[in-house]
PDB file of N, CA and C in Angstrom:
ATOM      1  N   UNK A   1       0.827  -1.197   0.000  1.00  0.00           N
ATOM      2  CA  UNK A   1       0.000   0.000   0.000  1.00  0.00           C
ATOM      3  C   UNK A   1       0.869   1.257   0.000  1.00  0.00           C
ATOM      4  N   UNK A   2       1.958   1.196   0.757  1.00  0.00           N
ATOM      5  CA  UNK A   2       2.854   2.338   0.842  1.00  0.00           C
ATOM      6  C   UNK A   2       3.454   2.658  -0.535  1.00  0.00           C
ATOM      7  N   UNK A   3       3.745   1.624  -1.327  1.00  0.00           N
ATOM      8  CA  UNK A   3       4.337   1.821  -2.638  1.00  0.00           C
ATOM      9  C   UNK A   3       3.378   2.554  -3.582  1.00  0.00           C
ATOM     10  N   UNK A   4       2.091   2.207  -3.488  1.00  0.00           N
ATOM     11  CA  UNK A   4       1.105   2.888  -4.329  1.00  0.00           C
ATOM     12  C   UNK A   4       1.016   4.370  -3.976  1.00  0.00           C
ATOM     13  N   UNK A   5       1.074   4.664  -2.690  1.00  0.00           N
ATOM     14  CA  UNK A   5       1.003   6.045  -2.242  1.00  0.00           C
ATOM     15  C   UNK A   5       2.190   6.836  -2.790  1.00  0.00           C
ATOM     16  N   UNK A   6       3.390   6.281  -2.702  1.00  0.00           N
ATOM     17  CA  UNK A   6       4.586   6.951  -3.222  1.00  0.00           C
ATOM     18  C   UNK A   6       4.468   7.132  -4.732  1.00  0.00           C
ATOM     19  N   UNK A   7       3.965   6.115  -5.434  1.00  0.00           N
ATOM     20  CA  UNK A   7       3.781   6.187  -6.876  1.00  0.00           C
ATOM     21  C   UNK A   7       2.850   7.346  -7.241  1.00  0.00           C
ATOM     22  N   UNK A   8       1.727   7.467  -6.546  1.00  0.00           N
ATOM     23  CA  UNK A   8       0.777   8.537  -6.831  1.00  0.00           C
ATOM     24  C   UNK A   8       1.374   9.911  -6.536  1.00  0.00           C
ATOM     25  N   UNK A   9       2.152  10.023  -5.462  1.00  0.00           N
ATOM     26  CA  UNK A   9       2.798  11.287  -5.135  1.00  0.00           C
ATOM     27  C   UNK A   9       3.764  11.681  -6.260  1.00  0.00           C
ATOM     28  N   UNK A  10       4.539  10.710  -6.772  1.00  0.00           N
ATOM     29  CA  UNK A  10       5.460  10.985  -7.873  1.00  0.00           C
ATOM     30  C   UNK A  10       4.716  11.427  -9.126  1.00  0.00           C
ATOM     31  N   UNK A  11       3.632  10.745  -9.444  1.00  0.00           N
ATOM     32  CA  UNK A  11       2.837  11.103 -10.629  1.00  0.00           C
ATOM     33  C   UNK A  11       2.261  12.508 -10.482  1.00  0.00           C
ATOM     34  N   UNK A  12       1.720  12.810  -9.324  1.00  0.00           N
ATOM     35  CA  UNK A  12       1.149  14.147  -9.100  1.00  0.00           C
ATOM     36  C   UNK A  12       2.242  15.206  -9.205  1.00  0.00           C
ATOM     37  N   UNK A  13       3.417  14.935  -8.653  1.00  0.00           N
ATOM     38  CA  UNK A  13       4.537  15.878  -8.741  1.00  0.00           C
ATOM     39  C   UNK A  13       4.948  16.125 -10.173  1.00  0.00           C
ATOM     40  N   UNK A  14       5.019  15.066 -10.981  1.00  0.00           N
ATOM     41  CA  UNK A  14       5.389  15.225 -12.387  1.00  0.00           C
ATOM     42  C   UNK A  14       4.320  16.021 -13.124  1.00  0.00           C
ATOM     43  N   UNK A  15       3.062  15.764 -12.811  1.00  0.00           N
ATOM     44  CA  UNK A  15       1.972  16.476 -13.458  1.00  0.00           C
ATOM     45  C   UNK A  15       2.035  17.968 -13.133  1.00  0.00           C
ATOM     46  N   UNK A  16       2.244  18.295 -11.865  1.00  0.00           N
ATOM     47  CA  UNK A  16       2.292  19.700 -11.456  1.00  0.00           C
ATOM     48  C   UNK A  16       3.477  20.398 -12.086  1.00  0.00           C
ATOM     49  N   UNK A  17       4.653  19.767 -12.088  1.00  0.00           N
ATOM     50  CA  UNK A  17       5.823  20.416 -12.680  1.00  0.00           C
ATOM     51  C   UNK A  17       5.656  20.563 -14.182  1.00  0.00           C
ATOM     52  N   UNK A  18       5.013  19.618 -14.840  1.00  0.00           N
ATOM     53  CA  UNK A  18       4.768  19.717 -16.272  1.00  0.00           C
ATOM     54  C   UNK A  18       3.786  20.817 -16.597  1.00  0.00           C
ATOM     55  N   UNK A  19       2.857  21.082 -15.716  1.00  0.00           N
ATOM     56  CA  UNK A  19       1.848  22.103 -15.972  1.00  0.00           C
ATOM     57  C   UNK A  19       2.378  23.510 -15.799  1.00  0.00           C
ATOM     58  N   UNK A  20       3.415  23.694 -15.023  1.00  0.00           N
ATOM     59  CA  UNK A  20       3.898  25.049 -14.787  1.00  0.00           C
ATOM     60  C   UNK A  20       4.361  25.691 -16.085  1.00  0.00           C
ATOM     61  N   UNK A  21       5.021  24.942 -16.967  1.00  0.00           N
ATOM     62  CA  UNK A  21       5.438  25.473 -18.259  1.00  0.00           C
ATOM     63  C   UNK A  21       4.237  25.831 -19.115  1.00  0.00           C
ATOM     64  N   UNK A  22       3.213  25.001 -19.077  1.00  0.00           N
ATOM     65  CA  UNK A  22       2.011  25.276 -19.861  1.00  0.00           C
ATOM     66  C   UNK A  22       1.312  26.530 -19.358  1.00  0.00           C
ATOM     67  N   UNK A  23       1.302  26.743 -18.047  1.00  0.00           N
ATOM     68  CA  UNK A  23       0.683  27.943 -17.503  1.00  0.00           C
ATOM     69  C   UNK A  23       1.403  29.178 -18.004  1.00  0.00           C
ATOM     70  N   UNK A  24       2.730  29.123 -18.007  1.00  0.00           N
ATOM     71  CA  UNK A  24       3.515  30.244 -18.518  1.00  0.00           C
ATOM     72  C   UNK A  24       3.223  30.462 -20.003  1.00  0.00           C
ATOM     73  N   UNK A  25       3.112  29.377 -20.758  1.00  0.00           N
ATOM     74  CA  UNK A  25       2.792  29.485 -22.186  1.00  0.00           C
ATOM     75  C   UNK A  25       1.433  30.130 -22.395  1.00  0.00           C
ATOM     76  N   UNK A  26       0.477  29.800 -21.547  1.00  0.00           N
ATOM     77  CA  UNK A  26      -0.863  30.394 -21.671  1.00  0.00           C
ATOM     78  C   UNK A  26      -0.782  31.902 -21.465  1.00  0.00           C
ATOM     79  N   UNK A  27       0.033  32.348 -20.525  1.00  0.00           N
ATOM     80  CA  UNK A  27       0.185  33.794 -20.305  1.00  0.00           C
ATOM     81  C   UNK A  27       0.743  34.460 -21.558  1.00  0.00           C
ATOM     82  N   UNK A  28       1.764  33.860 -22.138  1.00  0.00           N
ATOM     83  CA  UNK A  28       2.367  34.424 -23.349  1.00  0.00           C
ATOM     84  C   UNK A  28       1.375  34.356 -24.502  1.00  0.00           C
ATOM     85  N   UNK A  29       0.688  33.222 -24.653  1.00  0.00           N
ATOM     86  CA  UNK A  29      -0.297  33.087 -25.728  1.00  0.00           C
ATOM     87  C   UNK A  29      -1.428  34.101 -25.580  1.00  0.00           C
ATOM     88  N   UNK A  30      -1.860  34.353 -24.363  1.00  0.00           N
ATOM     89  CA  UNK A  30      -2.908  35.343 -24.121  1.00  0.00           C
ATOM     90  C   UNK A  30      -2.428  36.727 -24.551  1.00  0.00           C
ATOM     91  N   UNK A  31      -1.182  37.040 -24.236  1.00  0.00           N
ATOM     92  CA  UNK A  31      -0.598  38.315 -24.648  1.00  0.00           C
ATOM     93  C   UNK A  31      -0.501  38.396 -26.178  1.00  0.00           C
ATOM     94  N   UNK A  32      -0.040  37.310 -26.810  1.00  0.00           N
ATOM     95  CA  UNK A  32       0.053  37.298 -28.277  1.00  0.00           C
ATOM     96  C   UNK A  32      -1.331  37.402 -28.911  1.00  0.00           C
ATOM     97  N   UNK A  33      -2.319  36.761 -28.304  1.00  0.00           N
ATOM     98  CA  UNK A  33      -3.691  36.818 -28.820  1.00  0.00           C
ATOM     99  C   UNK A  33      -4.184  38.270 -28.880  1.00  0.00           C
ATOM    100  N   UNK A  34      -3.844  39.059 -27.874  1.00  0.00           N
ATOM    101  CA  UNK A  34      -4.278  40.458 -27.859  1.00  0.00           C
ATOM    102  C   UNK A  34      -3.784  41.193 -29.107  1.00  0.00           C
ATOM    103  N   UNK A  35      -2.585  40.853 -29.564  1.00  0.00           N
ATOM    104  CA  UNK A  35      -2.031  41.511 -30.740  1.00  0.00           C
ATOM    105  C   UNK A  35      -2.455  40.843 -32.053  1.00  0.00           C
ATOM    106  N   UNK A  36      -2.682  39.524 -32.003  1.00  0.00           N
ATOM    107  CA  UNK A  36      -2.950  38.766 -33.230  1.00  0.00           C
ATOM    108  C   UNK A  36      -4.344  38.132 -33.243  1.00  0.00           C
ATOM    109  N   UNK A  37      -5.296  38.737 -32.543  1.00  0.00           N
ATOM    110  CA  UNK A  37      -6.648  38.165 -32.534  1.00  0.00           C
ATOM    111  C   UNK A  37      -7.233  38.119 -33.939  1.00  0.00           C
ATOM    112  N   UNK A  38      -6.758  38.981 -34.816  1.00  0.00           N
ATOM    113  CA  UNK A  38      -7.158  38.956 -36.226  1.00  0.00           C
ATOM    114  C   UNK A  38      -6.003  38.389 -37.045  1.00  0.00           C
ATOM    115  N   UNK A  39      -5.623  37.162 -36.711  1.00  0.00           N
ATOM    116  CA  UNK A  39      -4.493  36.544 -37.397  1.00  0.00           C
ATOM    117  C   UNK A  39      -4.335  35.086 -37.010  1.00  0.00           C
ATOM    118  N   UNK A  40      -3.072  34.685 -36.840  1.00  0.00           N
ATOM    119  CA  UNK A  40      -2.767  33.293 -36.549  1.00  0.00           C
ATOM    120  C   UNK A  40      -1.581  33.192 -35.591  1.00  0.00           C
ATOM    121  N   UNK A  41      -1.589  32.161 -34.763  1.00  0.00           N
ATOM    122  CA  UNK A  41      -0.490  31.882 -33.839  1.00  0.00           C
ATOM    123  C   UNK A  41      -0.185  30.393 -33.935  1.00  0.00           C
ATOM    124  N   UNK A  42       1.100  30.074 -34.074  1.00  0.00           N
ATOM    125  CA  UNK A  42       1.528  28.670 -34.140  1.00  0.00           C
ATOM    126  C   UNK A  42       2.617  28.415 -33.116  1.00  0.00           C
ATOM    127  N   UNK A  43       2.717  27.169 -32.693  1.00  0.00           N
ATOM    128  CA  UNK A  43       3.830  26.709 -31.876  1.00  0.00           C
ATOM    129  C   UNK A  43       4.748  25.934 -32.808  1.00  0.00           C
ATOM    130  N   UNK A  44       6.041  26.251 -32.781  1.00  0.00           N
ATOM    131  CA  UNK A  44       7.008  25.614 -33.679  1.00  0.00           C
ATOM    132  C   UNK A  44       8.299  25.299 -32.934  1.00  0.00           C
ATOM    133  N   UNK A  45       9.159  24.574 -33.619  1.00  0.00           N
ATOM    134  CA  UNK A  45      10.529  24.376 -33.169  1.00  0.00           C
ATOM    135  C   UNK A  45      11.425  25.148 -34.119  1.00  0.00           C
ATOM    136  N   UNK A  46      12.440  25.776 -33.553  1.00  0.00           N
ATOM    137  CA  UNK A  46      13.407  26.523 -34.357  1.00  0.00           C
ATOM    138  C   UNK A  46      14.784  26.310 -33.742  1.00  0.00           C
ATOM    139  N   UNK A  47      15.637  25.615 -34.475  1.00  0.00           N
ATOM    140  CA  UNK A  47      16.978  25.300 -33.968  1.00  0.00           C
ATOM    141  C   UNK A  47      16.930  24.635 -32.598  1.00  0.00           C
ATOM    142  N   UNK A  48      15.978  23.720 -32.425  1.00  0.00           N
ATOM    143  CA  UNK A  48      15.863  22.965 -31.181  1.00  0.00           C
ATOM    144  C   UNK A  48      15.136  23.675 -30.053  1.00  0.00           C
ATOM    145  N   UNK A  49      14.665  24.887 -30.289  1.00  0.00           N
ATOM    146  CA  UNK A  49      13.940  25.625 -29.257  1.00  0.00           C
ATOM    147  C   UNK A  49      12.466  25.731 -29.611  1.00  0.00           C
ATOM    148  N   UNK A  50      11.630  25.742 -28.579  1.00  0.00           N
ATOM    149  CA  UNK A  50      10.196  25.933 -28.753  1.00  0.00           C
ATOM    150  C   UNK A  50       9.960  27.428 -28.934  1.00  0.00           C
ATOM    151  N   UNK A  51       9.209  27.803 -29.979  1.00  0.00           N
ATOM    152  CA  UNK A  51       8.919  29.217 -30.257  1.00  0.00           C
ATOM    153  C   UNK A  51       7.463  29.366 -30.667  1.00  0.00           C
ATOM    154  N   UNK A  52       7.002  30.603 -30.659  1.00  0.00           N
ATOM    155  CA  UNK A  52       5.689  30.945 -31.191  1.00  0.00           C
ATOM    156  C   UNK A  52       5.898  31.775 -32.451  1.00  0.00           C
ATOM    157  N   UNK A  53       5.060  31.545 -33.451  1.00  0.00           N
ATOM    158  CA  UNK A  53       5.110  32.312 -34.683  1.00  0.00           C
ATOM    159  C   UNK A  53       3.718  32.905 -34.886  1.00  0.00           C
ATOM    160  N   UNK A  54       3.666  34.221 -35.068  1.00  0.00           N
ATOM    161  CA  UNK A  54       2.369  34.891 -35.179  1.00  0.00           C
ATOM    162  C   UNK A  54       2.359  35.849 -36.364  1.00  0.00           C
ATOM    163  N   UNK A  55       1.169  36.017 -36.936  1.00  0.00           N
ATOM    164  CA  UNK A  55       1.003  36.945 -38.041  1.00  0.00           C
ATOM    165  C   UNK A  55      -0.425  37.426 -38.127  1.00  0.00           C
ATOM    166  N   UNK A  56      -0.598  38.604 -38.705  1.00  0.00           N
ATOM    167  CA  UNK A  56      -1.947  39.144 -38.841  1.00  0.00           C
ATOM    168  C   UNK A  56      -2.593  38.654 -40.127  1.00  0.00           C
ATOM    169  N   UNK A  57      -3.889  38.763 -40.186  1.00  0.00           N
ATOM    170  CA  UNK A  57      -4.716  38.308 -41.292  1.00  0.00           C
ATOM    171  C   UNK A  57      -4.706  39.370 -42.400  1.00  0.00           C
ATOM    172  N   UNK A  58      -3.550  39.499 -43.073  1.00  0.00           N
ATOM    173  CA  UNK A  58      -3.415  40.498 -44.138  1.00  0.00           C
ATOM    174  C   UNK A  58      -2.368  40.008 -45.134  1.00  0.00           C
ATOM    175  N   UNK A  59      -2.594  40.320 -46.396  1.00  0.00           N
ATOM    176  CA  UNK A  59      -1.646  39.926 -47.432  1.00  0.00           C
ATOM    177  C   UNK A  59      -0.305  40.614 -47.221  1.00  0.00           C
ATOM    178  N   UNK A  60       0.765  39.873 -47.457  1.00  0.00           N
ATOM    179  CA  UNK A  60       2.139  40.387 -47.362  1.00  0.00           C
ATOM    180  C   UNK A  60       2.481  40.959 -45.992  1.00  0.00           C
ATOM    181  N   UNK A  61       1.813  40.502 -44.945  1.00  0.00           N
ATOM    182  CA  UNK A  61       2.070  41.038 -43.604  1.00  0.00           C
ATOM    183  C   UNK A  61       3.292  40.399 -42.955  1.00  0.00           C
ATOM    184  N   UNK A  62       3.683  39.216 -43.400  1.00  0.00           N
ATOM    185  CA  UNK A  62       4.800  38.536 -42.762  1.00  0.00           C
ATOM    186  C   UNK A  62       4.395  37.953 -41.418  1.00  0.00           C
ATOM    187  N   UNK A  63       5.383  37.517 -40.677  1.00  0.00           N
ATOM    188  CA  UNK A  63       5.122  36.960 -39.359  1.00  0.00           C
ATOM    189  C   UNK A  63       6.261  37.329 -38.430  1.00  0.00           C
ATOM    190  N   UNK A  64       6.080  37.017 -37.153  1.00  0.00           N
ATOM    191  CA  UNK A  64       7.073  37.328 -36.131  1.00  0.00           C
ATOM    192  C   UNK A  64       7.309  36.069 -35.310  1.00  0.00           C
ATOM    193  N   UNK A  65       8.584  35.788 -35.016  1.00  0.00           N
ATOM    194  CA  UNK A  65       8.937  34.650 -34.162  1.00  0.00           C
ATOM    195  C   UNK A  65       9.198  35.183 -32.757  1.00  0.00           C
ATOM    196  N   UNK A  66       8.553  34.559 -31.774  1.00  0.00           N
ATOM    197  CA  UNK A  66       8.686  34.935 -30.368  1.00  0.00           C
ATOM    198  C   UNK A  66       9.276  33.784 -29.574  1.00  0.00           C
ATOM    199  N   UNK A  67      10.019  34.093 -28.515  1.00  0.00           N
ATOM    200  CA  UNK A  67      10.481  33.047 -27.607  1.00  0.00           C
ATOM    201  C   UNK A  67       9.363  32.727 -26.620  1.00  0.00           C
ATOM    202  N   UNK A  68       9.622  31.809 -25.702  1.00  0.00           N
ATOM    203  CA  UNK A  68       8.593  31.377 -24.762  1.00  0.00           C
ATOM    204  C   UNK A  68       8.208  32.440 -23.741  1.00  0.00           C
ATOM    205  N   UNK A  69       9.003  33.505 -23.660  1.00  0.00           N
ATOM    206  CA  UNK A  69       8.678  34.595 -22.740  1.00  0.00           C
ATOM    207  C   UNK A  69       7.924  35.712 -23.444  1.00  0.00           C
ATOM    208  N   UNK A  70       7.721  35.567 -24.764  1.00  0.00           N
ATOM    209  CA  UNK A  70       7.001  36.579 -25.521  1.00  0.00           C
ATOM    210  C   UNK A  70       7.892  37.654 -26.104  1.00  0.00           C
ATOM    211  N   UNK A  71       9.202  37.453 -26.047  1.00  0.00           N
ATOM    212  CA  UNK A  71      10.141  38.410 -26.638  1.00  0.00           C
ATOM    213  C   UNK A  71      10.307  38.123 -28.122  1.00  0.00           C
ATOM    214  N   UNK A  72      10.404  39.172 -28.923  1.00  0.00           N
ATOM    215  CA  UNK A  72      10.603  39.000 -30.361  1.00  0.00           C
ATOM    216  C   UNK A  72      12.012  38.475 -30.615  1.00  0.00           C
ATOM    217  N   UNK A  73      12.077  37.381 -31.382  1.00  0.00           N
ATOM    218  CA  UNK A  73      13.367  36.843 -31.817  1.00  0.00           C
ATOM    219  C   UNK A  73      13.727  37.478 -33.153  1.00  0.00           C
ATOM    220  N   UNK A  74      12.797  37.443 -34.098  1.00  0.00           N
ATOM    221  CA  UNK A  74      13.022  38.051 -35.409  1.00  0.00           C
ATOM    222  C   UNK A  74      11.697  38.227 -36.137  1.00  0.00           C
ATOM    223  N   UNK A  75      11.731  39.052 -37.159  1.00  0.00           N
ATOM    224  CA  UNK A  75      10.576  39.259 -38.026  1.00  0.00           C
ATOM    225  C   UNK A  75      10.826  38.551 -39.342  1.00  0.00           C
ATOM    226  N   UNK A  76       9.793  37.906 -39.859  1.00  0.00           N
ATOM    227  CA  UNK A  76       9.891  37.168 -41.118  1.00  0.00           C
ATOM    228  C   UNK A  76       9.048  37.886 -42.159  1.00  0.00           C
ATOM    229  N   UNK A  77       9.652  38.853 -42.786  1.00  0.00           N
ATOM    230  CA  UNK A  77       8.952  39.644 -43.800  1.00  0.00           C
ATOM    231  C   UNK A  77       9.889  39.781 -44.985  1.00  0.00           C
ATOM    232  N   UNK A  78       9.613  39.023 -46.028  1.00  0.00           N
ATOM    233  CA  UNK A  78      10.519  39.040 -47.174  1.00  0.00           C
ATOM    234  C   UNK A  78      10.096  40.007 -48.271  1.00  0.00           C
ATOM    235  N   UNK A  79       9.212  40.960 -47.963  1.00  0.00           N
ATOM    236  CA  UNK A  79       8.800  41.903 -48.987  1.00  0.00           C
ATOM    237  C   UNK A  79       9.903  42.912 -49.307  1.00  0.00           C
ATOM    238  N   UNK A  80      10.703  43.251 -48.306  1.00  0.00           N
ATOM    239  CA  UNK A  80      11.724  44.273 -48.510  1.00  0.00           C
ATOM    240  C   UNK A  80      13.143  43.722 -48.501  1.00  0.00           C
ATOM    241  N   UNK A  81      13.354  42.592 -47.836  1.00  0.00           N
ATOM    242  CA  UNK A  81      14.694  42.020 -47.749  1.00  0.00           C
ATOM    243  C   UNK A  81      14.583  40.509 -47.570  1.00  0.00           C
ATOM    244  N   UNK A  82      15.702  39.828 -47.694  1.00  0.00           N
ATOM    245  CA  UNK A  82      15.709  38.369 -47.514  1.00  0.00           C
ATOM    246  C   UNK A  82      15.338  38.053 -46.065  1.00  0.00           C
ATOM    247  N   UNK A  83      14.523  37.016 -45.852  1.00  0.00           N
ATOM    248  CA  UNK A  83      14.127  36.681 -44.479  1.00  0.00           C
ATOM    249  C   UNK A  83      15.310  36.160 -43.669  1.00  0.00           C
ATOM    250  N   UNK A  84      15.246  36.376 -42.379  1.00  0.00           N
ATOM    251  CA  UNK A  84      16.238  35.851 -41.441  1.00  0.00           C
ATOM    252  C   UNK A  84      16.294  34.337 -41.611  1.00  0.00           C
ATOM    253  N   UNK A  85      17.454  33.747 -41.462  1.00  0.00           N
ATOM    254  CA  UNK A  85      17.592  32.295 -41.628  1.00  0.00           C
ATOM    255  C   UNK A  85      16.724  31.518 -40.645  1.00  0.00           C
ATOM    256  N   UNK A  86      16.431  32.114 -39.491  1.00  0.00           N
ATOM    257  CA  UNK A  86      15.554  31.442 -38.522  1.00  0.00           C
ATOM    258  C   UNK A  86      14.166  31.208 -39.105  1.00  0.00           C
ATOM    259  N   UNK A  87      13.716  32.118 -39.953  1.00  0.00           N
ATOM    260  CA  UNK A  87      12.392  31.989 -40.562  1.00  0.00           C
ATOM    261  C   UNK A  87      12.317  30.756 -41.455  1.00  0.00           C
ATOM    262  N   UNK A  88      13.460  30.339 -41.964  1.00  0.00           N
ATOM    263  CA  UNK A  88      13.517  29.183 -42.854  1.00  0.00           C
ATOM    264  C   UNK A  88      13.772  27.886 -42.098  1.00  0.00           C
ATOM    265  N   UNK A  89      14.029  27.978 -40.795  1.00  0.00           N
ATOM    266  CA  UNK A  89      14.341  26.796 -39.985  1.00  0.00           C
ATOM    267  C   UNK A  89      13.202  26.376 -39.068  1.00  0.00           C
ATOM    268  N   UNK A  90      11.997  26.860 -39.303  1.00  0.00           N
ATOM    269  CA  UNK A  90      10.851  26.477 -38.477  1.00  0.00           C
ATOM    270  C   UNK A  90      10.432  25.056 -38.819  1.00  0.00           C
ATOM    271  N   UNK A  91      10.219  24.247 -37.787  1.00  0.00           N
ATOM    272  CA  UNK A  91       9.830  22.849 -37.985  1.00  0.00           C
ATOM    273  C   UNK A  91       8.698  22.488 -37.028  1.00  0.00           C
ATOM    274  N   UNK A  92       7.987  21.443 -37.391  1.00  0.00           N
ATOM    275  CA  UNK A  92       6.934  20.885 -36.528  1.00  0.00           C
ATOM    276  C   UNK A  92       5.959  21.956 -36.039  1.00  0.00           C
ATOM    277  N   UNK A  93       5.570  22.836 -36.919  1.00  0.00           N
ATOM    278  CA  UNK A  93       4.634  23.902 -36.540  1.00  0.00           C
ATOM    279  C   UNK A  93       3.223  23.339 -36.381  1.00  0.00           C
ATOM    280  N   UNK A  94       2.554  23.856 -35.372  1.00  0.00           N
ATOM    281  CA  UNK A  94       1.182  23.448 -35.082  1.00  0.00           C
ATOM    282  C   UNK A  94       0.390  24.710 -34.784  1.00  0.00           C
ATOM    283  N   UNK A  95      -0.624  24.960 -35.590  1.00  0.00           N
ATOM    284  CA  UNK A  95      -1.447  26.152 -35.393  1.00  0.00           C
ATOM    285  C   UNK A  95      -2.305  25.969 -34.148  1.00  0.00           C
ATOM    286  N   UNK A  96      -2.216  26.945 -33.233  1.00  0.00           N
ATOM    287  CA  UNK A  96      -3.017  26.888 -32.009  1.00  0.00           C
ATOM    288  C   UNK A  96      -4.125  27.938 -32.016  1.00  0.00           C
ATOM    289  N   UNK A  97      -3.995  28.928 -32.904  1.00  0.00           N
ATOM    290  CA  UNK A  97      -5.051  29.927 -33.049  1.00  0.00           C
ATOM    291  C   UNK A  97      -5.079  30.420 -34.494  1.00  0.00           C
ATOM    292  N   UNK A  98      -6.279  30.519 -35.051  1.00  0.00           N
ATOM    293  CA  UNK A  98      -6.467  31.123 -36.373  1.00  0.00           C
ATOM    294  C   UNK A  98      -7.848  31.756 -36.395  1.00  0.00           C
ATOM    295  N   UNK A  99      -7.908  33.006 -36.805  1.00  0.00           N
ATOM    296  CA  UNK A  99      -9.150  33.752 -36.850  1.00  0.00           C
ATOM    297  C   UNK A  99     -10.109  33.129 -37.879  1.00  0.00           C
ATOM    298  N   UNK A 100     -11.381  33.284 -37.611  1.00  0.00           N
ATOM    299  CA  UNK A 100     -12.424  32.843 -38.536  1.00  0.00           C
ATOM    300  C   UNK A 100     -12.421  33.763 -39.759  1.00  0.00           C
ATOM    301  N   UNK A 101     -12.860  33.273 -40.906  1.00  0.00           N
ATOM    302  CA  UNK A 101     -12.928  34.058 -42.155  1.00  0.00           C
ATOM    303  C   UNK A 101     -11.577  34.710 -42.485  1.00  0.00           C
ATOM    304  N   UNK A 102     -10.550  33.877 -42.527  1.00  0.00           N
ATOM    305  CA  UNK A 102      -9.202  34.386 -42.772  1.00  0.00           C
ATOM    306  C   UNK A 102      -8.846  34.369 -44.258  1.00  0.00           C
ATOM    307  N   UNK A 103      -7.782  35.089 -44.618  1.00  0.00           N
ATOM    308  CA  UNK A 103      -7.360  35.199 -46.017  1.00  0.00           C
ATOM    309  C   UNK A 103      -6.780  33.898 -46.550  1.00  0.00           C
ATOM    310  N   UNK A 104      -6.415  32.979 -45.678  1.00  0.00           N
ATOM    311  CA  UNK A 104      -5.829  31.714 -46.100  1.00  0.00           C
ATOM    312  C   UNK A 104      -6.895  30.693 -46.498  1.00  0.00           C
ATOM    313  N   UNK A 105      -8.159  31.004 -46.177  1.00  0.00           N
ATOM    314  CA  UNK A 105      -9.248  30.093 -46.501  1.00  0.00           C
ATOM    315  C   UNK A 105      -9.223  28.821 -45.662  1.00  0.00           C
ATOM    316  N   UNK A 106      -8.625  28.901 -44.486  1.00  0.00           N
ATOM    317  CA  UNK A 106      -8.517  27.739 -43.601  1.00  0.00           C
ATOM    318  C   UNK A 106      -9.498  27.864 -42.443  1.00  0.00           C
ATOM    319  N   UNK A 107      -9.868  26.741 -41.846  1.00  0.00           N
ATOM    320  CA  UNK A 107     -10.832  26.800 -40.744  1.00  0.00           C
ATOM    321  C   UNK A 107     -10.245  27.488 -39.507  1.00  0.00           C
ATOM    322  N   UNK A 108     -11.114  28.106 -38.709  1.00  0.00           N
ATOM    323  CA  UNK A 108     -10.630  28.738 -37.479  1.00  0.00           C
ATOM    324  C   UNK A 108     -10.120  27.681 -36.498  1.00  0.00           C
ATOM    325  N   UNK A 109      -9.179  28.086 -35.665  1.00  0.00           N
ATOM    326  CA  UNK A 109      -8.603  27.212 -34.636  1.00  0.00           C
ATOM    327  C   UNK A 109      -8.499  28.037 -33.364  1.00  0.00           C
ATOM    328  N   UNK A 110      -8.786  27.413 -32.227  1.00  0.00           N
ATOM    329  CA  UNK A 110      -8.580  28.070 -30.934  1.00  0.00           C
ATOM    330  C   UNK A 110      -8.358  26.991 -29.869  1.00  0.00           C
ATOM    331  N   UNK A 111      -7.194  26.348 -29.949  1.00  0.00           N
ATOM    332  CA  UNK A 111      -6.879  25.209 -29.065  1.00  0.00           C
ATOM    333  C   UNK A 111      -6.915  25.562 -27.585  1.00  0.00           C
ATOM    334  N   UNK A 112      -6.534  26.781 -27.230  1.00  0.00           N
ATOM    335  CA  UNK A 112      -6.435  27.152 -25.825  1.00  0.00           C
ATOM    336  C   UNK A 112      -7.570  28.065 -25.378  1.00  0.00           C
ATOM    337  N   UNK A 113      -8.633  28.171 -26.197  1.00  0.00           N
ATOM    338  CA  UNK A 113      -9.780  29.031 -25.883  1.00  0.00           C
ATOM    339  C   UNK A 113      -9.347  30.461 -25.567  1.00  0.00           C
ATOM    340  N   UNK A 114      -8.452  30.991 -26.355  1.00  0.00           N
ATOM    341  CA  UNK A 114      -7.969  32.352 -26.152  1.00  0.00           C
ATOM    342  C   UNK A 114      -9.093  33.344 -26.386  1.00  0.00           C
ATOM    343  N   UNK A 115      -9.140  34.375 -25.553  1.00  0.00           N
ATOM    344  CA  UNK A 115     -10.145  35.419 -25.697  1.00  0.00           C
ATOM    345  C   UNK A 115     -11.513  35.045 -25.172  1.00  0.00           C
ATOM    346  N   UNK A 116     -11.623  33.896 -24.542  1.00  0.00           N
ATOM    347  CA  UNK A 116     -12.936  33.479 -24.019  1.00  0.00           C
ATOM    348  C   UNK A 116     -12.958  33.499 -22.528  1.00  0.00           C
TER     349      UNK A 116
END
């Protein structure tokens, strides 16, 4: 019986520690949503790091790569100059938010219920 109790304590500890990162991500995503509510937000990997990529719902608007704290890493706008190499190294992107009736003709997404 004692072993089961220790097992459950370990599982609960792992769950709580795993959730702390997600809570921080929700804060950053909520902040990004305020700026990109009329656009899209994705979670991606870039050079082995977890990043957010966001852009507004407008032609030729480009996008911005953010770190997990919400700081801008770089802007990906190739209308005026060649994009930063980081913009070309995005992998495993997963859209977590996309506005309804967007220019991409894709369905809306709101995985984290942002703005609700």
